[in-house]
Amino acid sequence: MNDAIETVRTALCYALVCDDMKDAIVGAVNEGSDADTIGAVTGTVAGTRFGATEFPDRWLTSIEHWVELERFAQ
């Protein structure tokens, strides 16, 4: 349970304090520990705060089946 609280605390700190999406996610992931989970939670909160269009294009285009996912989201 403590790990879950620490994950949410770290993710919220970065997502709400950083000035842009990339800094929030990279900073949170670089904290170490459960980096993939912290990054996912941070990305969700930062995506809500900054908007999905603020994800760096090179991150999005490296996702397998990105074109289909983007089309599905519209």
N, C-alpha and C. Protein backbone atom coordinates (compact mmCIF):
# COMPACT_ATOMS: atom_id res chain seq x y z
N MET A 1 0.82 -1.20 0.00
CA MET A 1 0.00 0.00 0.00
C MET A 1 0.87 1.26 0.00
N ASN A 2 1.95 1.24 0.73
CA ASN A 2 2.82 2.41 0.79
C ASN A 2 3.42 2.74 -0.57
N ASP A 3 3.73 1.70 -1.38
CA ASP A 3 4.27 1.94 -2.71
C ASP A 3 3.26 2.68 -3.59
N ALA A 4 2.00 2.32 -3.47
CA ALA A 4 0.96 2.98 -4.26
C ALA A 4 0.84 4.46 -3.87
N ILE A 5 0.91 4.73 -2.61
CA ILE A 5 0.83 6.12 -2.13
C ILE A 5 2.04 6.91 -2.64
N GLU A 6 3.21 6.31 -2.57
CA GLU A 6 4.43 6.99 -3.04
C GLU A 6 4.38 7.23 -4.55
N THR A 7 3.85 6.28 -5.29
CA THR A 7 3.69 6.43 -6.75
C THR A 7 2.79 7.61 -7.07
N VAL A 8 1.64 7.68 -6.43
CA VAL A 8 0.69 8.77 -6.69
C VAL A 8 1.27 10.10 -6.25
N ARG A 9 1.94 10.12 -5.09
CA ARG A 9 2.54 11.37 -4.60
C ARG A 9 3.58 11.90 -5.58
N THR A 10 4.46 11.02 -6.05
CA THR A 10 5.51 11.43 -6.99
C THR A 10 4.90 11.90 -8.31
N ALA A 11 3.94 11.15 -8.82
CA ALA A 11 3.31 11.51 -10.09
C ALA A 11 2.60 12.86 -10.00
N LEU A 12 1.85 13.07 -8.94
CA LEU A 12 1.14 14.35 -8.79
C LEU A 12 2.11 15.50 -8.63
N CYS A 13 3.17 15.29 -7.88
CA CYS A 13 4.16 16.35 -7.70
C CYS A 13 4.70 16.81 -9.04
N TYR A 14 5.16 15.88 -9.86
CA TYR A 14 5.74 16.24 -11.16
C TYR A 14 4.68 16.78 -12.13
N ALA A 15 3.54 16.14 -12.17
CA ALA A 15 2.51 16.54 -13.14
C ALA A 15 1.93 17.92 -12.84
N LEU A 16 1.91 18.30 -11.58
CA LEU A 16 1.29 19.57 -11.21
C LEU A 16 2.28 20.71 -11.00
N VAL A 17 3.57 20.39 -10.86
CA VAL A 17 4.57 21.44 -10.59
C VAL A 17 5.37 21.81 -11.83
N CYS A 18 5.66 20.84 -12.68
CA CYS A 18 6.47 21.12 -13.88
C CYS A 18 5.74 22.01 -14.87
N ASP A 19 6.51 22.70 -15.69
CA ASP A 19 5.95 23.66 -16.63
C ASP A 19 5.53 23.07 -17.97
N ASP A 20 5.93 21.82 -18.24
CA ASP A 20 5.47 21.20 -19.49
C ASP A 20 5.43 19.68 -19.34
N MET A 21 4.77 19.06 -20.30
CA MET A 21 4.52 17.63 -20.28
C MET A 21 5.82 16.82 -20.23
N LYS A 22 6.74 17.14 -21.11
CA LYS A 22 7.99 16.37 -21.20
C LYS A 22 8.77 16.42 -19.90
N ASP A 23 8.94 17.59 -19.33
CA ASP A 23 9.68 17.72 -18.07
C ASP A 23 9.01 16.93 -16.95
N ALA A 24 7.69 16.95 -16.92
CA ALA A 24 6.95 16.23 -15.88
C ALA A 24 7.21 14.73 -15.98
N ILE A 25 7.06 14.17 -17.16
CA ILE A 25 7.19 12.73 -17.32
C ILE A 25 8.64 12.28 -17.17
N VAL A 26 9.56 12.98 -17.82
CA VAL A 26 10.98 12.59 -17.73
C VAL A 26 11.47 12.72 -16.28
N GLY A 27 11.10 13.78 -15.62
CA GLY A 27 11.52 13.96 -14.22
C GLY A 27 10.97 12.87 -13.33
N ALA A 28 9.70 12.53 -13.49
CA ALA A 28 9.09 11.49 -12.66
C ALA A 28 9.73 10.14 -12.90
N VAL A 29 9.94 9.80 -14.16
CA VAL A 29 10.55 8.50 -14.49
C VAL A 29 11.97 8.41 -13.95
N ASN A 30 12.69 9.51 -14.00
CA ASN A 30 14.07 9.51 -13.52
C ASN A 30 14.19 9.43 -12.01
N GLU A 31 13.09 9.49 -11.30
CA GLU A 31 13.11 9.29 -9.84
C GLU A 31 13.51 7.86 -9.50
N GLY A 32 13.33 6.94 -10.48
CA GLY A 32 13.67 5.54 -10.23
C GLY A 32 12.51 4.80 -9.63
N SER A 33 12.80 3.83 -8.79
CA SER A 33 11.78 3.02 -8.13
C SER A 33 10.91 2.32 -9.17
N ASP A 34 9.62 2.50 -9.11
CA ASP A 34 8.68 1.85 -10.05
C ASP A 34 8.44 2.81 -11.21
N ALA A 35 9.48 3.06 -11.99
CA ALA A 35 9.49 4.13 -12.99
C ALA A 35 8.38 3.99 -14.03
N ASP A 36 8.07 2.77 -14.46
CA ASP A 36 7.05 2.63 -15.50
C ASP A 36 5.67 3.01 -14.99
N THR A 37 5.36 2.63 -13.76
CA THR A 37 4.06 2.98 -13.18
C THR A 37 3.99 4.47 -12.88
N ILE A 38 5.06 5.01 -12.30
CA ILE A 38 5.10 6.44 -12.00
C ILE A 38 4.97 7.25 -13.30
N GLY A 39 5.65 6.81 -14.35
CA GLY A 39 5.56 7.49 -15.65
C GLY A 39 4.15 7.44 -16.22
N ALA A 40 3.49 6.30 -16.09
CA ALA A 40 2.13 6.16 -16.61
C ALA A 40 1.15 7.07 -15.87
N VAL A 41 1.26 7.11 -14.56
CA VAL A 41 0.37 7.96 -13.76
C VAL A 41 0.67 9.43 -14.04
N THR A 42 1.95 9.78 -14.09
CA THR A 42 2.33 11.16 -14.39
C THR A 42 1.83 11.57 -15.76
N GLY A 43 1.99 10.70 -16.75
CA GLY A 43 1.52 11.00 -18.10
C GLY A 43 0.02 11.21 -18.16
N THR A 44 -0.72 10.45 -17.39
CA THR A 44 -2.17 10.60 -17.35
C THR A 44 -2.57 11.95 -16.77
N VAL A 45 -1.97 12.29 -15.64
CA VAL A 45 -2.31 13.57 -14.99
C VAL A 45 -1.80 14.75 -15.81
N ALA A 46 -0.55 14.66 -16.29
CA ALA A 46 0.01 15.75 -17.10
C ALA A 46 -0.75 15.88 -18.42
N GLY A 47 -1.19 14.77 -18.99
CA GLY A 47 -1.98 14.82 -20.21
C GLY A 47 -3.29 15.54 -20.00
N THR A 48 -3.88 15.34 -18.84
CA THR A 48 -5.11 16.05 -18.50
C THR A 48 -4.82 17.54 -18.30
N ARG A 49 -3.72 17.84 -17.65
CA ARG A 49 -3.37 19.24 -17.37
C ARG A 49 -2.97 20.00 -18.63
N PHE A 50 -2.10 19.42 -19.45
CA PHE A 50 -1.54 20.13 -20.60
C PHE A 50 -2.27 19.85 -21.91
N GLY A 51 -2.98 18.74 -21.97
CA GLY A 51 -3.66 18.35 -23.20
C GLY A 51 -2.85 17.33 -23.97
N ALA A 52 -3.54 16.42 -24.62
CA ALA A 52 -2.88 15.33 -25.34
C ALA A 52 -1.97 15.82 -26.46
N THR A 53 -2.24 17.00 -26.99
CA THR A 53 -1.41 17.51 -28.08
C THR A 53 -0.01 17.90 -27.63
N GLU A 54 0.23 17.95 -26.33
CA GLU A 54 1.53 18.35 -25.81
C GLU A 54 2.51 17.19 -25.65
N PHE A 55 2.05 15.95 -25.88
CA PHE A 55 3.00 14.84 -25.87
C PHE A 55 3.95 15.05 -27.04
N PRO A 56 5.25 14.88 -26.84
CA PRO A 56 6.20 15.03 -27.95
C PRO A 56 5.87 14.07 -29.10
N ASP A 57 5.88 14.58 -30.33
CA ASP A 57 5.54 13.76 -31.49
C ASP A 57 6.40 12.51 -31.59
N ARG A 58 7.69 12.62 -31.30
CA ARG A 58 8.55 11.45 -31.44
C ARG A 58 8.19 10.36 -30.44
N TRP A 59 7.59 10.72 -29.31
CA TRP A 59 7.12 9.71 -28.37
C TRP A 59 5.91 8.98 -28.96
N LEU A 60 5.01 9.75 -29.53
CA LEU A 60 3.77 9.16 -30.04
C LEU A 60 4.02 8.29 -31.27
N THR A 61 4.83 8.79 -32.18
CA THR A 61 5.04 8.05 -33.43
C THR A 61 5.86 6.78 -33.23
N SER A 62 6.50 6.63 -32.09
CA SER A 62 7.24 5.40 -31.82
C SER A 62 6.36 4.29 -31.25
N ILE A 63 5.09 4.60 -30.97
CA ILE A 63 4.15 3.61 -30.45
C ILE A 63 3.66 2.73 -31.60
N GLU A 64 3.75 1.44 -31.39
CA GLU A 64 3.27 0.50 -32.41
C GLU A 64 1.78 0.74 -32.66
N HIS A 65 1.38 0.77 -33.89
CA HIS A 65 -0.02 0.98 -34.31
C HIS A 65 -0.53 2.39 -33.96
N TRP A 66 0.38 3.37 -33.88
CA TRP A 66 -0.02 4.72 -33.50
C TRP A 66 -1.09 5.30 -34.43
N VAL A 67 -0.94 5.10 -35.71
CA VAL A 67 -1.89 5.67 -36.67
C VAL A 67 -3.30 5.15 -36.40
N GLU A 68 -3.41 3.85 -36.17
CA GLU A 68 -4.72 3.25 -35.89
C GLU A 68 -5.29 3.76 -34.56
N LEU A 69 -4.43 3.89 -33.56
CA LEU A 69 -4.89 4.39 -32.26
C LEU A 69 -5.36 5.84 -32.36
N GLU A 70 -4.63 6.63 -33.10
CA GLU A 70 -5.01 8.03 -33.27
C GLU A 70 -6.36 8.15 -33.99
N ARG A 71 -6.53 7.35 -35.01
CA ARG A 71 -7.79 7.35 -35.76
C ARG A 71 -8.94 6.89 -34.85
N PHE A 72 -8.71 5.88 -34.06
CA PHE A 72 -9.72 5.35 -33.13
C PHE A 72 -10.12 6.41 -32.10
N ALA A 73 -9.17 7.21 -31.65
CA ALA A 73 -9.43 8.23 -30.63
C ALA A 73 -10.30 9.36 -31.16
N GLN A 74 -10.30 9.55 -32.49
CA GLN A 74 -11.10 10.64 -33.05
C GLN A 74 -12.49 10.15 -33.23
